[in-house]
Amino acid sequence: MRKVLLMIAATLLMCGERDRWISPKHVPLWQHDLPGIQVKVYPGVGHIPMEEIPQQSAAYAMKFLLS
């Protein structure tokens, strides 16, 4: 059994639409393995939204953590 299936914590996946390392096309796989995962895909952003758009991604992460 894959360990990801054992996760029970609230999970936020943030990725960029232009990520060439981990494609946003893999989001359905994450959603399958982690029901209830919250996903945010940023248009025009690459692999590390936290560096490319730090204010926007931090605001979204804070909203997630406070929900």
PDB file of N, CA and C in Angstrom:
ATOM      1  N   MET A   1       0.845  -1.183   0.000  1.00  0.00           N
ATOM      2  CA  MET A   1       0.000   0.000   0.000  1.00  0.00           C
ATOM      3  C   MET A   1       0.887   1.241   0.000  1.00  0.00           C
ATOM      4  N   ARG A   2       0.541   2.184  -0.818  1.00  0.00           N
ATOM      5  CA  ARG A   2       1.305   3.424  -0.874  1.00  0.00           C
ATOM      6  C   ARG A   2       1.014   4.274   0.348  1.00  0.00           C
ATOM      7  N   LYS A   3       2.052   4.898   0.896  1.00  0.00           N
ATOM      8  CA  LYS A   3       1.905   5.694   2.117  1.00  0.00           C
ATOM      9  C   LYS A   3       0.981   6.883   1.941  1.00  0.00           C
ATOM     10  N   VAL A   4       0.902   7.421   0.734  1.00  0.00           N
ATOM     11  CA  VAL A   4       0.029   8.576   0.516  1.00  0.00           C
ATOM     12  C   VAL A   4      -1.414   8.215   0.851  1.00  0.00           C
ATOM     13  N   LEU A   5      -1.788   6.966   0.675  1.00  0.00           N
ATOM     14  CA  LEU A   5      -3.151   6.547   0.973  1.00  0.00           C
ATOM     15  C   LEU A   5      -3.437   6.580   2.467  1.00  0.00           C
ATOM     16  N   LEU A   6      -2.404   6.640   3.292  1.00  0.00           N
ATOM     17  CA  LEU A   6      -2.580   6.652   4.738  1.00  0.00           C
ATOM     18  C   LEU A   6      -2.738   8.057   5.313  1.00  0.00           C
ATOM     19  N   MET A   7      -2.574   9.067   4.486  1.00  0.00           N
ATOM     20  CA  MET A   7      -2.665  10.452   4.970  1.00  0.00           C
ATOM     21  C   MET A   7      -4.100  10.781   5.365  1.00  0.00           C
ATOM     22  N   ILE A   8      -4.246  11.390   6.527  1.00  0.00           N
ATOM     23  CA  ILE A   8      -5.577  11.797   6.969  1.00  0.00           C
ATOM     24  C   ILE A   8      -5.656  13.306   7.226  1.00  0.00           C
ATOM     25  N   ALA A   9      -4.541  13.993   7.109  1.00  0.00           N
ATOM     26  CA  ALA A   9      -4.513  15.441   7.336  1.00  0.00           C
ATOM     27  C   ALA A   9      -5.096  16.179   6.136  1.00  0.00           C
ATOM     28  N   ALA A  10      -5.650  17.342   6.416  1.00  0.00           N
ATOM     29  CA  ALA A  10      -6.095  18.204   5.328  1.00  0.00           C
ATOM     30  C   ALA A  10      -4.886  18.522   4.448  1.00  0.00           C
ATOM     31  N   THR A  11      -5.081  18.463   3.147  1.00  0.00           N
ATOM     32  CA  THR A  11      -3.959  18.596   2.222  1.00  0.00           C
ATOM     33  C   THR A  11      -4.275  19.629   1.148  1.00  0.00           C
ATOM     34  N   LEU A  12      -3.303  20.502   0.909  1.00  0.00           N
ATOM     35  CA  LEU A  12      -3.406  21.503  -0.152  1.00  0.00           C
ATOM     36  C   LEU A  12      -2.295  21.246  -1.151  1.00  0.00           C
ATOM     37  N   LEU A  13      -2.650  21.101  -2.406  1.00  0.00           N
ATOM     38  CA  LEU A  13      -1.689  20.948  -3.491  1.00  0.00           C
ATOM     39  C   LEU A  13      -1.737  22.222  -4.323  1.00  0.00           C
ATOM     40  N   MET A  14      -0.614  22.938  -4.374  1.00  0.00           N
ATOM     41  CA  MET A  14      -0.518  24.136  -5.205  1.00  0.00           C
ATOM     42  C   MET A  14       0.499  23.848  -6.298  1.00  0.00           C
ATOM     43  N   CYS A  15       0.098  24.104  -7.526  1.00  0.00           N
ATOM     44  CA  CYS A  15       1.021  23.876  -8.636  1.00  0.00           C
ATOM     45  C   CYS A  15       0.749  24.905  -9.725  1.00  0.00           C
ATOM     46  N   GLY A  16       1.682  25.006 -10.631  1.00  0.00           N
ATOM     47  CA  GLY A  16       1.543  25.936 -11.741  1.00  0.00           C
ATOM     48  C   GLY A  16       1.086  25.238 -13.003  1.00  0.00           C
ATOM     49  N   GLU A  17       0.313  25.934 -13.755  1.00  0.00           N
ATOM     50  CA  GLU A  17      -0.207  25.417 -15.021  1.00  0.00           C
ATOM     51  C   GLU A  17       0.927  25.040 -15.984  1.00  0.00           C
ATOM     52  N   ARG A  18       2.065  25.736 -15.873  1.00  0.00           N
ATOM     53  CA  ARG A  18       3.189  25.491 -16.786  1.00  0.00           C
ATOM     54  C   ARG A  18       4.300  24.658 -16.156  1.00  0.00           C
ATOM     55  N   ASP A  19       3.974  23.920 -15.116  1.00  0.00           N
ATOM     56  CA  ASP A  19       4.959  23.068 -14.446  1.00  0.00           C
ATOM     57  C   ASP A  19       5.397  21.967 -15.406  1.00  0.00           C
ATOM     58  N   ARG A  20       6.700  21.929 -15.703  1.00  0.00           N
ATOM     59  CA  ARG A  20       7.221  20.916 -16.627  1.00  0.00           C
ATOM     60  C   ARG A  20       7.800  19.714 -15.888  1.00  0.00           C
ATOM     61  N   TRP A  21       7.850  19.791 -14.567  1.00  0.00           N
ATOM     62  CA  TRP A  21       8.405  18.683 -13.791  1.00  0.00           C
ATOM     63  C   TRP A  21       7.288  17.758 -13.303  1.00  0.00           C
ATOM     64  N   ILE A  22       6.286  18.347 -12.662  1.00  0.00           N
ATOM     65  CA  ILE A  22       5.108  17.584 -12.227  1.00  0.00           C
ATOM     66  C   ILE A  22       3.904  18.222 -12.905  1.00  0.00           C
ATOM     67  N   SER A  23       3.451  17.605 -13.955  1.00  0.00           N
ATOM     68  CA  SER A  23       2.391  18.172 -14.769  1.00  0.00           C
ATOM     69  C   SER A  23       1.069  18.274 -14.014  1.00  0.00           C
ATOM     70  N   PRO A  24       0.345  19.372 -14.213  1.00  0.00           N
ATOM     71  CA  PRO A  24      -0.994  19.476 -13.638  1.00  0.00           C
ATOM     72  C   PRO A  24      -1.927  18.363 -14.138  1.00  0.00           C
ATOM     73  N   LYS A  25      -1.529  17.684 -15.194  1.00  0.00           N
ATOM     74  CA  LYS A  25      -2.316  16.548 -15.677  1.00  0.00           C
ATOM     75  C   LYS A  25      -2.370  15.428 -14.640  1.00  0.00           C
ATOM     76  N   HIS A  26      -1.439  15.467 -13.650  1.00  0.00           N
ATOM     77  CA  HIS A  26      -1.420  14.445 -12.603  1.00  0.00           C
ATOM     78  C   HIS A  26      -2.380  14.750 -11.452  1.00  0.00           C
ATOM     79  N   VAL A  27      -3.024  15.900 -11.473  1.00  0.00           N
ATOM     80  CA  VAL A  27      -3.940  16.274 -10.394  1.00  0.00           C
ATOM     81  C   VAL A  27      -5.005  15.203 -10.158  1.00  0.00           C
ATOM     82  N   PRO A  28      -5.621  14.637 -11.192  1.00  0.00           N
ATOM     83  CA  PRO A  28      -6.620  13.590 -10.927  1.00  0.00           C
ATOM     84  C   PRO A  28      -6.057  12.386 -10.156  1.00  0.00           C
ATOM     85  N   LEU A  29      -4.777  12.079 -10.344  1.00  0.00           N
ATOM     86  CA  LEU A  29      -4.171  10.982  -9.583  1.00  0.00           C
ATOM     87  C   LEU A  29      -4.099  11.335  -8.100  1.00  0.00           C
ATOM     88  N   TRP A  30      -3.710  12.588  -7.795  1.00  0.00           N
ATOM     89  CA  TRP A  30      -3.690  13.048  -6.406  1.00  0.00           C
ATOM     90  C   TRP A  30      -5.098  13.013  -5.822  1.00  0.00           C
ATOM     91  N   GLN A  31      -6.066  13.465  -6.590  1.00  0.00           N
ATOM     92  CA  GLN A  31      -7.448  13.491  -6.100  1.00  0.00           C
ATOM     93  C   GLN A  31      -7.977  12.084  -5.864  1.00  0.00           C
ATOM     94  N   HIS A  32      -7.553  11.147  -6.658  1.00  0.00           N
ATOM     95  CA  HIS A  32      -7.958   9.754  -6.473  1.00  0.00           C
ATOM     96  C   HIS A  32      -7.362   9.184  -5.191  1.00  0.00           C
ATOM     97  N   ASP A  33      -6.068   9.448  -4.972  1.00  0.00           N
ATOM     98  CA  ASP A  33      -5.373   8.881  -3.820  1.00  0.00           C
ATOM     99  C   ASP A  33      -5.662   9.618  -2.518  1.00  0.00           C
ATOM    100  N   LEU A  34      -6.021  10.882  -2.609  1.00  0.00           N
ATOM    101  CA  LEU A  34      -6.304  11.694  -1.417  1.00  0.00           C
ATOM    102  C   LEU A  34      -7.669  12.368  -1.563  1.00  0.00           C
ATOM    103  N   PRO A  35      -8.740  11.615  -1.353  1.00  0.00           N
ATOM    104  CA  PRO A  35     -10.065  12.230  -1.460  1.00  0.00           C
ATOM    105  C   PRO A  35     -10.152  13.433  -0.520  1.00  0.00           C
ATOM    106  N   GLY A  36     -10.695  14.507  -1.022  1.00  0.00           N
ATOM    107  CA  GLY A  36     -10.826  15.712  -0.216  1.00  0.00           C
ATOM    108  C   GLY A  36      -9.654  16.672  -0.342  1.00  0.00           C
ATOM    109  N   ILE A  37      -8.634  16.302  -1.112  1.00  0.00           N
ATOM    110  CA  ILE A  37      -7.498  17.201  -1.309  1.00  0.00           C
ATOM    111  C   ILE A  37      -8.007  18.489  -1.957  1.00  0.00           C
ATOM    112  N   GLN A  38      -7.466  19.593  -1.514  1.00  0.00           N
ATOM    113  CA  GLN A  38      -7.795  20.875  -2.137  1.00  0.00           C
ATOM    114  C   GLN A  38      -6.671  21.214  -3.108  1.00  0.00           C
ATOM    115  N   VAL A  39      -7.041  21.573  -4.321  1.00  0.00           N
ATOM    116  CA  VAL A  39      -6.055  21.822  -5.373  1.00  0.00           C
ATOM    117  C   VAL A  39      -6.185  23.253  -5.880  1.00  0.00           C
ATOM    118  N   LYS A  40      -5.041  23.904  -6.027  1.00  0.00           N
ATOM    119  CA  LYS A  40      -4.994  25.237  -6.630  1.00  0.00           C
ATOM    120  C   LYS A  40      -3.948  25.204  -7.738  1.00  0.00           C
ATOM    121  N   VAL A  41      -4.395  25.388  -8.977  1.00  0.00           N
ATOM    122  CA  VAL A  41      -3.495  25.449 -10.123  1.00  0.00           C
ATOM    123  C   VAL A  41      -3.446  26.912 -10.571  1.00  0.00           C
ATOM    124  N   TYR A  42      -2.235  27.468 -10.575  1.00  0.00           N
ATOM    125  CA  TYR A  42      -2.060  28.871 -10.934  1.00  0.00           C
ATOM    126  C   TYR A  42      -1.766  28.998 -12.423  1.00  0.00           C
ATOM    127  N   PRO A  43      -2.577  29.752 -13.157  1.00  0.00           N
ATOM    128  CA  PRO A  43      -2.335  29.948 -14.581  1.00  0.00           C
ATOM    129  C   PRO A  43      -1.031  30.710 -14.832  1.00  0.00           C
ATOM    130  N   GLY A  44      -0.300  30.286 -15.840  1.00  0.00           N
ATOM    131  CA  GLY A  44       0.916  30.970 -16.255  1.00  0.00           C
ATOM    132  C   GLY A  44       2.109  30.796 -15.332  1.00  0.00           C
ATOM    133  N   VAL A  45       2.005  29.911 -14.345  1.00  0.00           N
ATOM    134  CA  VAL A  45       3.057  29.716 -13.342  1.00  0.00           C
ATOM    135  C   VAL A  45       3.704  28.351 -13.567  1.00  0.00           C
ATOM    136  N   GLY A  46       4.991  28.257 -13.201  1.00  0.00           N
ATOM    137  CA  GLY A  46       5.732  27.006 -13.373  1.00  0.00           C
ATOM    138  C   GLY A  46       5.715  26.124 -12.137  1.00  0.00           C
ATOM    139  N   HIS A  47       6.847  25.514 -11.835  1.00  0.00           N
ATOM    140  CA  HIS A  47       6.939  24.473 -10.818  1.00  0.00           C
ATOM    141  C   HIS A  47       6.837  24.978  -9.377  1.00  0.00           C
ATOM    142  N   ILE A  48       7.235  26.206  -9.108  1.00  0.00           N
ATOM    143  CA  ILE A  48       7.261  26.659  -7.710  1.00  0.00           C
ATOM    144  C   ILE A  48       6.479  27.963  -7.549  1.00  0.00           C
ATOM    145  N   PRO A  49       5.153  27.859  -7.420  1.00  0.00           N
ATOM    146  CA  PRO A  49       4.347  29.064  -7.258  1.00  0.00           C
ATOM    147  C   PRO A  49       4.783  29.904  -6.059  1.00  0.00           C
ATOM    148  N   MET A  50       5.290  29.245  -5.009  1.00  0.00           N
ATOM    149  CA  MET A  50       5.686  29.966  -3.794  1.00  0.00           C
ATOM    150  C   MET A  50       6.831  30.942  -4.060  1.00  0.00           C
ATOM    151  N   GLU A  51       7.624  30.708  -5.100  1.00  0.00           N
ATOM    152  CA  GLU A  51       8.695  31.635  -5.467  1.00  0.00           C
ATOM    153  C   GLU A  51       8.274  32.584  -6.585  1.00  0.00           C
ATOM    154  N   GLU A  52       7.464  32.088  -7.502  1.00  0.00           N
ATOM    155  CA  GLU A  52       7.071  32.895  -8.655  1.00  0.00           C
ATOM    156  C   GLU A  52       6.002  33.934  -8.314  1.00  0.00           C
ATOM    157  N   ILE A  53       5.075  33.560  -7.459  1.00  0.00           N
ATOM    158  CA  ILE A  53       3.999  34.466  -7.035  1.00  0.00           C
ATOM    159  C   ILE A  53       3.824  34.324  -5.511  1.00  0.00           C
ATOM    160  N   PRO A  54       4.821  34.755  -4.742  1.00  0.00           N
ATOM    161  CA  PRO A  54       4.815  34.485  -3.302  1.00  0.00           C
ATOM    162  C   PRO A  54       3.624  35.094  -2.546  1.00  0.00           C
ATOM    163  N   GLN A  55       3.227  36.300  -2.860  1.00  0.00           N
ATOM    164  CA  GLN A  55       2.124  36.913  -2.122  1.00  0.00           C
ATOM    165  C   GLN A  55       0.816  36.167  -2.380  1.00  0.00           C
ATOM    166  N   GLN A  56       0.568  35.855  -3.631  1.00  0.00           N
ATOM    167  CA  GLN A  56      -0.680  35.188  -3.995  1.00  0.00           C
ATOM    168  C   GLN A  56      -0.737  33.773  -3.413  1.00  0.00           C
ATOM    169  N   SER A  57       0.353  33.028  -3.530  1.00  0.00           N
ATOM    170  CA  SER A  57       0.344  31.652  -3.019  1.00  0.00           C
ATOM    171  C   SER A  57       0.322  31.627  -1.492  1.00  0.00           C
ATOM    172  N   ALA A  58       0.986  32.570  -0.827  1.00  0.00           N
ATOM    173  CA  ALA A  58       0.953  32.636   0.635  1.00  0.00           C
ATOM    174  C   ALA A  58      -0.455  32.982   1.129  1.00  0.00           C
ATOM    175  N   ALA A  59      -1.115  33.892   0.439  1.00  0.00           N
ATOM    176  CA  ALA A  59      -2.482  34.260   0.815  1.00  0.00           C
ATOM    177  C   ALA A  59      -3.410  33.056   0.683  1.00  0.00           C
ATOM    178  N   TYR A  60      -3.239  32.286  -0.379  1.00  0.00           N
ATOM    179  CA  TYR A  60      -4.094  31.110  -0.576  1.00  0.00           C
ATOM    180  C   TYR A  60      -3.795  30.043   0.480  1.00  0.00           C
ATOM    181  N   ALA A  61      -2.525  29.849   0.798  1.00  0.00           N
ATOM    182  CA  ALA A  61      -2.142  28.880   1.827  1.00  0.00           C
ATOM    183  C   ALA A  61      -2.708  29.298   3.184  1.00  0.00           C
ATOM    184  N   MET A  62      -2.663  30.579   3.507  1.00  0.00           N
ATOM    185  CA  MET A  62      -3.200  31.067   4.771  1.00  0.00           C
ATOM    186  C   MET A  62      -4.708  30.846   4.831  1.00  0.00           C
ATOM    187  N   LYS A  63      -5.386  31.118   3.734  1.00  0.00           N
ATOM    188  CA  LYS A  63      -6.841  30.884   3.672  1.00  0.00           C
ATOM    189  C   LYS A  63      -7.137  29.398   3.934  1.00  0.00           C
ATOM    190  N   PHE A  64      -6.337  28.519   3.334  1.00  0.00           N
ATOM    191  CA  PHE A  64      -6.514  27.080   3.524  1.00  0.00           C
ATOM    192  C   PHE A  64      -6.280  26.701   4.989  1.00  0.00           C
ATOM    193  N   LEU A  65      -5.212  27.221   5.592  1.00  0.00           N
ATOM    194  CA  LEU A  65      -4.877  26.863   6.963  1.00  0.00           C
ATOM    195  C   LEU A  65      -5.906  27.380   7.975  1.00  0.00           C
ATOM    196  N   LEU A  66      -6.552  28.487   7.662  1.00  0.00           N
ATOM    197  CA  LEU A  66      -7.531  29.058   8.572  1.00  0.00           C
ATOM    198  C   LEU A  66      -8.942  28.493   8.366  1.00  0.00           C
ATOM    199  N   SER A  67      -9.115  27.697   7.320  1.00  0.00           N
ATOM    200  CA  SER A  67     -10.456  27.144   7.051  1.00  0.00           C
ATOM    201  C   SER A  67     -10.731  25.892   7.848  1.00  0.00           C
TER     202      SER A  67
END
